[in-house]
C-alpha atoms as a PDB file:
ATOM      1  CA  UNK A   1       0.000   0.000   0.000  1.00  0.00           C
ATOM      2  CA  UNK A   2       1.379   3.416  -0.961  1.00  0.00           C
ATOM      3  CA  UNK A   3       0.451   6.817   0.406  1.00  0.00           C
ATOM      4  CA  UNK A   4       1.662   9.953  -1.361  1.00  0.00           C
ATOM      5  CA  UNK A   5       2.203  13.503  -0.123  1.00  0.00           C
ATOM      6  CA  UNK A   6       3.082  16.085  -2.738  1.00  0.00           C
ATOM      7  CA  UNK A   7       3.858  19.787  -2.869  1.00  0.00           C
ATOM      8  CA  UNK A   8       5.037  22.086  -5.656  1.00  0.00           C
ATOM      9  CA  UNK A   9       5.688  25.826  -5.470  1.00  0.00           C
ATOM     10  CA  UNK A  10       7.048  28.353  -7.957  1.00  0.00           C
ATOM     11  CA  UNK A  11      10.022  30.460  -7.014  1.00  0.00           C
ATOM     12  CA  UNK A  12       8.831  33.576  -5.109  1.00  0.00           C
ATOM     13  CA  UNK A  13      10.122  35.825  -7.881  1.00  0.00           C
ATOM     14  CA  UNK A  14       8.356  33.991 -10.729  1.00  0.00           C
ATOM     15  CA  UNK A  15       4.837  34.249 -12.086  1.00  0.00           C
ATOM     16  CA  UNK A  16       4.649  30.618 -13.224  1.00  0.00           C
ATOM     17  CA  UNK A  17       5.830  27.257 -11.913  1.00  0.00           C
ATOM     18  CA  UNK A  18       8.123  25.406 -14.320  1.00  0.00           C
ATOM     19  CA  UNK A  19       7.969  22.309 -12.073  1.00  0.00           C
ATOM     20  CA  UNK A  20       5.209  19.744 -12.154  1.00  0.00           C
ATOM     21  CA  UNK A  21       4.278  16.930  -9.800  1.00  0.00           C
ATOM     22  CA  UNK A  22       1.599  14.254 -10.025  1.00  0.00           C
ATOM     23  CA  UNK A  23       0.367  11.063  -8.391  1.00  0.00           C
ATOM     24  CA  UNK A  24      -2.154   8.803 -10.115  1.00  0.00           C
ATOM     25  CA  UNK A  25      -2.795   5.205  -9.118  1.00  0.00           C
ATOM     26  CA  UNK A  26       0.606   3.633  -8.544  1.00  0.00           C
ATOM     27  CA  UNK A  27       2.562   6.230 -10.527  1.00  0.00           C
ATOM     28  CA  UNK A  28       4.262   9.269  -8.990  1.00  0.00           C
ATOM     29  CA  UNK A  29       6.351  11.790 -10.886  1.00  0.00           C
ATOM     30  CA  UNK A  30       8.134  15.116 -10.595  1.00  0.00           C
ATOM     31  CA  UNK A  31       9.311  17.176 -13.562  1.00  0.00           C
ATOM     32  CA  UNK A  32      11.545  20.245 -13.661  1.00  0.00           C
ATOM     33  CA  UNK A  33      11.310  22.408 -16.770  1.00  0.00           C
ATOM     34  CA  UNK A  34      14.553  23.954 -17.972  1.00  0.00           C
ATOM     35  CA  UNK A  35      14.656  27.719 -17.520  1.00  0.00           C
ATOM     36  CA  UNK A  36      16.243  29.727 -20.331  1.00  0.00           C
ATOM     37  CA  UNK A  37      17.708  33.238 -19.906  1.00  0.00           C
ATOM     38  CA  UNK A  38      16.233  36.078 -21.957  1.00  0.00           C
ATOM     39  CA  UNK A  39      17.888  36.389 -25.326  1.00  0.00           C
ATOM     40  CA  UNK A  40      18.541  32.657 -25.817  1.00  0.00           C
ATOM     41  CA  UNK A  41      16.642  31.183 -28.764  1.00  0.00           C
ATOM     42  CA  UNK A  42      14.814  27.902 -28.090  1.00  0.00           C
ATOM     43  CA  UNK A  43      12.889  27.740 -31.351  1.00  0.00           C
ATOM     44  CA  UNK A  44       9.717  27.206 -29.290  1.00  0.00           C
ATOM     45  CA  UNK A  45       6.781  29.563 -28.772  1.00  0.00           C
ATOM     46  CA  UNK A  46       5.456  27.759 -25.694  1.00  0.00           C
ATOM     47  CA  UNK A  47       7.980  27.746 -22.850  1.00  0.00           C
ATOM     48  CA  UNK A  48       9.030  25.415 -20.050  1.00  0.00           C
ATOM     49  CA  UNK A  49       5.849  25.656 -17.954  1.00  0.00           C
ATOM     50  CA  UNK A  50       3.727  24.616 -20.928  1.00  0.00           C
ATOM     51  CA  UNK A  51       6.086  21.756 -21.735  1.00  0.00           C
ATOM     52  CA  UNK A  52       6.112  20.208 -18.254  1.00  0.00           C
ATOM     53  CA  UNK A  53       2.329  20.466 -18.014  1.00  0.00           C
ATOM     54  CA  UNK A  54       1.830  18.732 -21.356  1.00  0.00           C
ATOM     55  CA  UNK A  55       4.462  16.091 -20.591  1.00  0.00           C
ATOM     56  CA  UNK A  56       2.861  15.332 -17.220  1.00  0.00           C
ATOM     57  CA  UNK A  57      -0.586  15.107 -18.815  1.00  0.00           C
ATOM     58  CA  UNK A  58       0.623  12.593 -21.402  1.00  0.00           C
ATOM     59  CA  UNK A  59       2.482  10.527 -18.799  1.00  0.00           C
ATOM     60  CA  UNK A  60      -0.708  10.263 -16.750  1.00  0.00           C
ATOM     61  CA  UNK A  61      -2.814   9.462 -19.830  1.00  0.00           C
ATOM     62  CA  UNK A  62      -0.387   6.769 -20.953  1.00  0.00           C
ATOM     63  CA  UNK A  63      -0.253   5.208 -17.498  1.00  0.00           C
ATOM     64  CA  UNK A  64      -4.037   5.141 -17.193  1.00  0.00           C
ATOM     65  CA  UNK A  65      -4.263   3.499 -20.605  1.00  0.00           C
ATOM     66  CA  UNK A  66      -1.811   0.737 -19.666  1.00  0.00           C
ATOM     67  CA  UNK A  67      -0.294   0.739 -16.159  1.00  0.00           C
ATOM     68  CA  UNK A  68       2.075  -2.053 -17.151  1.00  0.00           C
ATOM     69  CA  UNK A  69       3.888   0.046 -19.752  1.00  0.00           C
ATOM     70  CA  UNK A  70       7.611   0.239 -18.868  1.00  0.00           C
ATOM     71  CA  UNK A  71       8.587   3.678 -17.629  1.00  0.00           C
ATOM     72  CA  UNK A  72      11.057   4.367 -20.428  1.00  0.00           C
ATOM     73  CA  UNK A  73       8.428   3.522 -23.031  1.00  0.00           C
ATOM     74  CA  UNK A  74       5.867   5.598 -21.142  1.00  0.00           C
ATOM     75  CA  UNK A  75       8.097   8.659 -21.332  1.00  0.00           C
ATOM     76  CA  UNK A  76       9.071   8.059 -24.959  1.00  0.00           C
ATOM     77  CA  UNK A  77       5.399   7.971 -25.923  1.00  0.00           C
ATOM     78  CA  UNK A  78       4.706  11.115 -23.868  1.00  0.00           C
ATOM     79  CA  UNK A  79       7.548  12.991 -25.578  1.00  0.00           C
ATOM     80  CA  UNK A  80       6.178  11.942 -28.955  1.00  0.00           C
ATOM     81  CA  UNK A  81       2.716  13.154 -27.964  1.00  0.00           C
ATOM     82  CA  UNK A  82       4.064  16.562 -26.894  1.00  0.00           C
ATOM     83  CA  UNK A  83       5.782  16.871 -30.259  1.00  0.00           C
ATOM     84  CA  UNK A  84       2.311  16.779 -31.760  1.00  0.00           C
ATOM     85  CA  UNK A  85       1.063  19.371 -29.262  1.00  0.00           C
ATOM     86  CA  UNK A  86       3.560  21.888 -30.648  1.00  0.00           C
ATOM     87  CA  UNK A  87       1.363  21.948 -33.754  1.00  0.00           C
ATOM     88  CA  UNK A  88       4.169  22.600 -36.256  1.00  0.00           C
ATOM     89  CA  UNK A  89       4.661  26.029 -34.681  1.00  0.00           C
ATOM     90  CA  UNK A  90       8.123  25.361 -33.271  1.00  0.00           C
ATOM     91  CA  UNK A  91      11.584  24.357 -34.426  1.00  0.00           C
ATOM     92  CA  UNK A  92      11.979  21.094 -32.535  1.00  0.00           C
ATOM     93  CA  UNK A  93      15.404  20.584 -34.063  1.00  0.00           C
ATOM     94  CA  UNK A  94      16.751  23.549 -32.119  1.00  0.00           C
ATOM     95  CA  UNK A  95      19.177  22.112 -29.501  1.00  0.00           C
ATOM     96  CA  UNK A  96      17.739  24.536 -26.948  1.00  0.00           C
ATOM     97  CA  UNK A  97      14.139  23.428 -27.406  1.00  0.00           C
ATOM     98  CA  UNK A  98      12.053  23.278 -24.231  1.00  0.00           C
ATOM     99  CA  UNK A  99      12.995  20.375 -21.972  1.00  0.00           C
ATOM    100  CA  UNK A 100      12.428  18.809 -18.572  1.00  0.00           C
ATOM    101  CA  UNK A 101      14.037  16.497 -16.059  1.00  0.00           C
ATOM    102  CA  UNK A 102      11.960  13.444 -15.137  1.00  0.00           C
ATOM    103  CA  UNK A 103      11.799  11.395 -11.928  1.00  0.00           C
ATOM    104  CA  UNK A 104       9.227   8.590 -11.815  1.00  0.00           C
ATOM    105  CA  UNK A 105       8.319   5.861  -9.326  1.00  0.00           C
ATOM    106  CA  UNK A 106       5.779   3.119 -10.004  1.00  0.00           C
ATOM    107  CA  UNK A 107       4.310   0.777  -7.423  1.00  0.00           C
ATOM    108  CA  UNK A 108       4.327  -2.690  -9.015  1.00  0.00           C
ATOM    109  CA  UNK A 109       2.961  -4.474  -5.900  1.00  0.00           C
ATOM    110  CA  UNK A 110       5.981  -6.633  -5.005  1.00  0.00           C
ATOM    111  CA  UNK A 111       8.488  -3.943  -5.969  1.00  0.00           C
ATOM    112  CA  UNK A 112       8.842  -0.403  -7.250  1.00  0.00           C
ATOM    113  CA  UNK A 113      10.201   0.584 -10.639  1.00  0.00           C
ATOM    114  CA  UNK A 114      12.128   3.851 -10.784  1.00  0.00           C
ATOM    115  CA  UNK A 115      13.319   6.193 -13.514  1.00  0.00           C
ATOM    116  CA  UNK A 116      15.613   9.225 -13.215  1.00  0.00           C
ATOM    117  CA  UNK A 117      16.563  11.463 -16.151  1.00  0.00           C
ATOM    118  CA  UNK A 118      18.810  14.488 -15.447  1.00  0.00           C
ATOM    119  CA  UNK A 119      19.068  16.217 -12.088  1.00  0.00           C
ATOM    120  CA  UNK A 120      15.875  15.323 -10.220  1.00  0.00           C
ATOM    121  CA  UNK A 121      16.959  12.661  -7.704  1.00  0.00           C
ATOM    122  CA  UNK A 122      15.097   9.840  -5.999  1.00  0.00           C
ATOM    123  CA  UNK A 123      15.808   8.953  -2.359  1.00  0.00           C
ATOM    124  CA  UNK A 124      14.869   5.499  -1.054  1.00  0.00           C
ATOM    125  CA  UNK A 125      14.694   4.494   2.615  1.00  0.00           C
ATOM    126  CA  UNK A 126      15.560   0.790   2.650  1.00  0.00           C
ATOM    127  CA  UNK A 127      15.853   0.285   6.391  1.00  0.00           C
ATOM    128  CA  UNK A 128      19.567   0.133   7.150  1.00  0.00           C
ATOM    129  CA  UNK A 129      20.424   2.027   3.942  1.00  0.00           C
ATOM    130  CA  UNK A 130      19.449   5.318   2.342  1.00  0.00           C
ATOM    131  CA  UNK A 131      19.802   4.817  -1.417  1.00  0.00           C
ATOM    132  CA  UNK A 132      20.075   7.921  -3.586  1.00  0.00           C
ATOM    133  CA  UNK A 133      19.294   7.306  -7.247  1.00  0.00           C
ATOM    134  CA  UNK A 134      20.787  10.142  -9.271  1.00  0.00           C
ATOM    135  CA  UNK A 135      21.745  10.836 -12.855  1.00  0.00           C
ATOM    136  CA  UNK A 136      25.122  12.514 -12.435  1.00  0.00           C
ATOM    137  CA  UNK A 137      25.799  12.936 -16.151  1.00  0.00           C
ATOM    138  CA  UNK A 138      24.306  16.427 -16.128  1.00  0.00           C
ATOM    139  CA  UNK A 139      26.597  17.663 -13.339  1.00  0.00           C
ATOM    140  CA  UNK A 140      29.640  16.125 -14.983  1.00  0.00           C
ATOM    141  CA  UNK A 141      28.772  17.555 -18.403  1.00  0.00           C
ATOM    142  CA  UNK A 142      28.222  21.116 -17.220  1.00  0.00           C
ATOM    143  CA  UNK A 143      30.823  21.243 -14.434  1.00  0.00           C
ATOM    144  CA  UNK A 144      33.176  23.577 -16.280  1.00  0.00           C
ATOM    145  CA  UNK A 145      30.313  25.789 -17.453  1.00  0.00           C
ATOM    146  CA  UNK A 146      29.072  26.008 -13.870  1.00  0.00           C
ATOM    147  CA  UNK A 147      32.494  27.094 -12.655  1.00  0.00           C
ATOM    148  CA  UNK A 148      32.648  29.762 -15.355  1.00  0.00           C
ATOM    149  CA  UNK A 149      29.312  31.209 -14.288  1.00  0.00           C
ATOM    150  CA  UNK A 150      29.890  31.038 -10.535  1.00  0.00           C
ATOM    151  CA  UNK A 151      33.533  32.138 -10.345  1.00  0.00           C
ATOM    152  CA  UNK A 152      34.063  35.530  -8.745  1.00  0.00           C
ATOM    153  CA  UNK A 153      31.719  37.670  -6.679  1.00  0.00           C
ATOM    154  CA  UNK A 154      29.298  38.979  -9.304  1.00  0.00           C
ATOM    155  CA  UNK A 155      25.837  39.362  -7.765  1.00  0.00           C
ATOM    156  CA  UNK A 156      23.050  37.031  -8.862  1.00  0.00           C
ATOM    157  CA  UNK A 157      21.197  39.725 -10.810  1.00  0.00           C
ATOM    158  CA  UNK A 158      24.230  41.604 -12.072  1.00  0.00           C
ATOM    159  CA  UNK A 159      24.743  42.304 -15.766  1.00  0.00           C
ATOM    160  CA  UNK A 160      27.939  40.248 -15.659  1.00  0.00           C
ATOM    161  CA  UNK A 161      26.243  37.199 -14.143  1.00  0.00           C
ATOM    162  CA  UNK A 162      23.330  37.366 -16.583  1.00  0.00           C
ATOM    163  CA  UNK A 163      25.724  37.565 -19.532  1.00  0.00           C
ATOM    164  CA  UNK A 164      27.675  34.581 -18.219  1.00  0.00           C
ATOM    165  CA  UNK A 165      24.451  32.614 -17.817  1.00  0.00           C
ATOM    166  CA  UNK A 166      23.377  33.376 -21.365  1.00  0.00           C
ATOM    167  CA  UNK A 167      26.723  32.226 -22.796  1.00  0.00           C
ATOM    168  CA  UNK A 168      26.799  29.098 -20.617  1.00  0.00           C
ATOM    169  CA  UNK A 169      23.263  28.159 -21.627  1.00  0.00           C
ATOM    170  CA  UNK A 170      24.131  28.322 -25.318  1.00  0.00           C
ATOM    171  CA  UNK A 171      27.192  26.132 -24.684  1.00  0.00           C
ATOM    172  CA  UNK A 172      25.127  23.736 -22.561  1.00  0.00           C
ATOM    173  CA  UNK A 173      22.717  23.185 -25.431  1.00  0.00           C
ATOM    174  CA  UNK A 174      25.594  21.666 -27.412  1.00  0.00           C
ATOM    175  CA  UNK A 175      25.758  18.920 -24.762  1.00  0.00           C
ATOM    176  CA  UNK A 176      22.026  18.249 -24.586  1.00  0.00           C
ATOM    177  CA  UNK A 177      20.939  14.727 -25.547  1.00  0.00           C
ATOM    178  CA  UNK A 178      24.412  13.853 -26.772  1.00  0.00           C
ATOM    179  CA  UNK A 179      26.463  10.757 -25.831  1.00  0.00           C
ATOM    180  CA  UNK A 180      29.300  12.989 -24.626  1.00  0.00           C
ATOM    181  CA  UNK A 181      26.911  15.215 -22.657  1.00  0.00           C
ATOM    182  CA  UNK A 182      23.693  14.467 -20.798  1.00  0.00           C
ATOM    183  CA  UNK A 183      20.141  13.304 -21.483  1.00  0.00           C
ATOM    184  CA  UNK A 184      16.853  15.034 -20.751  1.00  0.00           C
ATOM    185  CA  UNK A 185      13.235  14.933 -21.925  1.00  0.00           C
ATOM    186  CA  UNK A 186      12.919  17.355 -24.847  1.00  0.00           C
ATOM    187  CA  UNK A 187      11.816  16.627 -28.432  1.00  0.00           C
ATOM    188  CA  UNK A 188      13.643  13.332 -29.066  1.00  0.00           C
ATOM    189  CA  UNK A 189      11.785  10.283 -27.651  1.00  0.00           C
ATOM    190  CA  UNK A 190      14.961   8.184 -27.720  1.00  0.00           C
ATOM    191  CA  UNK A 191      16.296  10.159 -24.716  1.00  0.00           C
ATOM    192  CA  UNK A 192      13.802   8.211 -22.570  1.00  0.00           C
ATOM    193  CA  UNK A 193      15.876   5.066 -23.061  1.00  0.00           C
ATOM    194  CA  UNK A 194      19.001   6.721 -21.632  1.00  0.00           C
ATOM    195  CA  UNK A 195      17.671   7.177 -18.096  1.00  0.00           C
ATOM    196  CA  UNK A 196      18.918   5.674 -14.842  1.00  0.00           C
ATOM    197  CA  UNK A 197      16.398   2.918 -14.095  1.00  0.00           C
ATOM    198  CA  UNK A 198      15.952   0.029 -11.716  1.00  0.00           C
ATOM    199  CA  UNK A 199      13.748  -1.782  -9.230  1.00  0.00           C
ATOM    200  CA  UNK A 200      13.649  -2.109  -5.456  1.00  0.00           C
ATOM    201  CA  UNK A 201      11.665  -4.625  -3.357  1.00  0.00           C
ATOM    202  CA  UNK A 202       8.611  -3.853  -1.253  1.00  0.00           C
ATOM    203  CA  UNK A 203       9.063  -6.985   0.881  1.00  0.00           C
ATOM    204  CA  UNK A 204      11.930  -8.307   2.978  1.00  0.00           C
ATOM    205  CA  UNK A 205      14.567  -6.702   5.198  1.00  0.00           C
ATOM    206  CA  UNK A 206      15.834  -4.273   2.532  1.00  0.00           C
ATOM    207  CA  UNK A 207      12.393  -3.274   1.315  1.00  0.00           C
ATOM    208  CA  UNK A 208      11.530   0.329   0.500  1.00  0.00           C
ATOM    209  CA  UNK A 209       9.855   2.054   3.433  1.00  0.00           C
ATOM    210  CA  UNK A 210       9.835   5.612   2.096  1.00  0.00           C
ATOM    211  CA  UNK A 211      10.724   7.292  -1.174  1.00  0.00           C
ATOM    212  CA  UNK A 212      11.230  10.957  -2.025  1.00  0.00           C
ATOM    213  CA  UNK A 213      11.096  12.337  -5.562  1.00  0.00           C
ATOM    214  CA  UNK A 214      12.660  15.789  -5.785  1.00  0.00           C
ATOM    215  CA  UNK A 215      13.352  18.545  -8.257  1.00  0.00           C
ATOM    216  CA  UNK A 216      16.662  20.289  -7.634  1.00  0.00           C
ATOM    217  CA  UNK A 217      14.835  23.194  -6.033  1.00  0.00           C
ATOM    218  CA  UNK A 218      13.854  20.788  -3.230  1.00  0.00           C
ATOM    219  CA  UNK A 219      16.971  18.601  -3.173  1.00  0.00           C
ATOM    220  CA  UNK A 220      18.904  21.868  -2.641  1.00  0.00           C
ATOM    221  CA  UNK A 221      18.063  21.415   1.046  1.00  0.00           C
ATOM    222  CA  UNK A 222      20.788  18.750   1.086  1.00  0.00           C
ATOM    223  CA  UNK A 223      22.863  19.339  -2.043  1.00  0.00           C
ATOM    224  CA  UNK A 224      23.084  23.122  -1.997  1.00  0.00           C
ATOM    225  CA  UNK A 225      22.431  24.342   1.547  1.00  0.00           C
ATOM    226  CA  UNK A 226      23.389  21.308   3.661  1.00  0.00           C
ATOM    227  CA  UNK A 227      20.424  21.758   6.004  1.00  0.00           C
ATOM    228  CA  UNK A 228      20.477  18.027   6.798  1.00  0.00           C
ATOM    229  CA  UNK A 229      21.457  14.712   5.218  1.00  0.00           C
ATOM    230  CA  UNK A 230      19.190  12.555   3.050  1.00  0.00           C
ATOM    231  CA  UNK A 231      17.803  10.678   6.046  1.00  0.00           C
ATOM    232  CA  UNK A 232      17.011  14.019   7.664  1.00  0.00           C
ATOM    233  CA  UNK A 233      15.253  15.170   4.492  1.00  0.00           C
ATOM    234  CA  UNK A 234      13.070  12.047   4.558  1.00  0.00           C
ATOM    235  CA  UNK A 235      12.262  12.707   8.215  1.00  0.00           C
ATOM    236  CA  UNK A 236      11.201  16.302   7.504  1.00  0.00           C
ATOM    237  CA  UNK A 237       8.970  15.093   4.666  1.00  0.00           C
ATOM    238  CA  UNK A 238       7.474  12.372   6.864  1.00  0.00           C
ATOM    239  CA  UNK A 239       7.011  14.319  10.095  1.00  0.00           C
ATOM    240  CA  UNK A 240       6.225  17.800   8.764  1.00  0.00           C
ATOM    241  CA  UNK A 241       5.361  17.381   5.087  1.00  0.00           C
ATOM    242  CA  UNK A 242       6.658  18.572   1.711  1.00  0.00           C
ATOM    243  CA  UNK A 243       5.565  22.181   2.222  1.00  0.00           C
ATOM    244  CA  UNK A 244       7.773  22.403   5.312  1.00  0.00           C
ATOM    245  CA  UNK A 245      10.761  21.151   3.309  1.00  0.00           C
ATOM    246  CA  UNK A 246      10.144  23.865   0.716  1.00  0.00           C
ATOM    247  CA  UNK A 247       9.697  26.469   3.469  1.00  0.00           C
ATOM    248  CA  UNK A 248      13.106  25.585   4.898  1.00  0.00           C
ATOM    249  CA  UNK A 249      14.684  25.868   1.451  1.00  0.00           C
ATOM    250  CA  UNK A 250      13.099  29.307   1.004  1.00  0.00           C
ATOM    251  CA  UNK A 251      14.504  30.401   4.356  1.00  0.00           C
ATOM    252  CA  UNK A 252      17.982  29.219   3.302  1.00  0.00           C
ATOM    253  CA  UNK A 253      17.676  31.036  -0.044  1.00  0.00           C
ATOM    254  CA  UNK A 254      16.688  34.254   1.714  1.00  0.00           C
ATOM    255  CA  UNK A 255      19.473  33.938   4.284  1.00  0.00           C
ATOM    256  CA  UNK A 256      21.996  33.877   1.419  1.00  0.00           C
ATOM    257  CA  UNK A 257      20.138  36.431  -0.671  1.00  0.00           C
ATOM    258  CA  UNK A 258      23.042  37.333  -2.968  1.00  0.00           C
ATOM    259  CA  UNK A 259      24.422  33.819  -3.349  1.00  0.00           C
ATOM    260  CA  UNK A 260      27.807  34.565  -1.791  1.00  0.00           C
ATOM    261  CA  UNK A 261      27.852  31.785   0.823  1.00  0.00           C
ATOM    262  CA  UNK A 262      26.191  29.236  -1.492  1.00  0.00           C
ATOM    263  CA  UNK A 263      27.013  30.146  -5.116  1.00  0.00           C
ATOM    264  CA  UNK A 264      24.154  29.223  -7.436  1.00  0.00           C
ATOM    265  CA  UNK A 265      22.524  30.221 -10.707  1.00  0.00           C
ATOM    266  CA  UNK A 266      19.343  31.681  -9.261  1.00  0.00           C
ATOM    267  CA  UNK A 267      18.313  33.385  -6.027  1.00  0.00           C
ATOM    268  CA  UNK A 268      15.229  31.142  -5.830  1.00  0.00           C
ATOM    269  CA  UNK A 269      14.099  28.069  -7.716  1.00  0.00           C
ATOM    270  CA  UNK A 270      10.811  26.290  -8.253  1.00  0.00           C
ATOM    271  CA  UNK A 271      10.604  23.380  -5.820  1.00  0.00           C
ATOM    272  CA  UNK A 272       8.672  20.109  -5.916  1.00  0.00           C
ATOM    273  CA  UNK A 273       8.793  17.188  -3.496  1.00  0.00           C
ATOM    274  CA  UNK A 274       6.767  13.984  -3.369  1.00  0.00           C
ATOM    275  CA  UNK A 275       6.935  11.543  -0.454  1.00  0.00           C
ATOM    276  CA  UNK A 276       5.763   7.951  -0.899  1.00  0.00           C
ATOM    277  CA  UNK A 277       5.085   5.870   2.221  1.00  0.00           C
ATOM    278  CA  UNK A 278       4.872   2.105   1.931  1.00  0.00           C
ATOM    279  CA  UNK A 279       3.269  -0.348   4.338  1.00  0.00           C
ATOM    280  CA  UNK A 280       4.337  -3.975   3.983  1.00  0.00           C
ATOM    281  CA  UNK A 281       1.430  -6.303   3.269  1.00  0.00           C
ATOM    282  CA  UNK A 282       1.371  -8.909   6.050  1.00  0.00           C
ATOM    283  CA  UNK A 283      -1.157 -11.212   4.345  1.00  0.00           C
END
């Protein structure tokens, strides 16, 4: 039996949320749309918020149609469906076309199936072990670009920082959905088959007790701000809920308003967290 708690909030300085979270039947997912600085051409008229909403809708529709569809196939079909939603209005061959990370978990009764594409991690409580399922190819691919943007003391909203971000984004697009770079949900369905996938049991001593699906705006509590470790993050989600996790991230963002103590791309980020609680069937 699986219970799900889910929260998603836009960054305080944004009008729209480019994250998306959903839970339907045995499927839970979080998506993080890729933000693009002003002046960078994506070839798309719609934007990241539209893309994650459409992708989530098609994932849910596909799952409802056939819950047994493998997660990689489910995403590939959803990406194909969103291609059609563009309505021939957009240049889907543009390497900067709208895109999203994807983290999925499916309850398959005796086990869970999981799927992680780009930097939205999954955290599994397996009793004596906390297992973090992450796709580290993104961080490795953009490490030098990140250093270029974050080096020095330029303020988050300074002209210099914005110019660096624009240049880095254009360079990052050359690494998108490339074997030497990283993979993400965009316009090419084949990217779905490049994800980090696996299964974990729901019975036995190493069974999954809890699972957290996070966009990087929520995982920043551990990865960016060091508020607690992964076990502590799971405890906050369990004892106080996803909104409390996001509240603590917001407090950390505000405490380092200019990004000097914790260098980062943005002052605030959209944040989404889903907690899945599993009870072992004793029958």
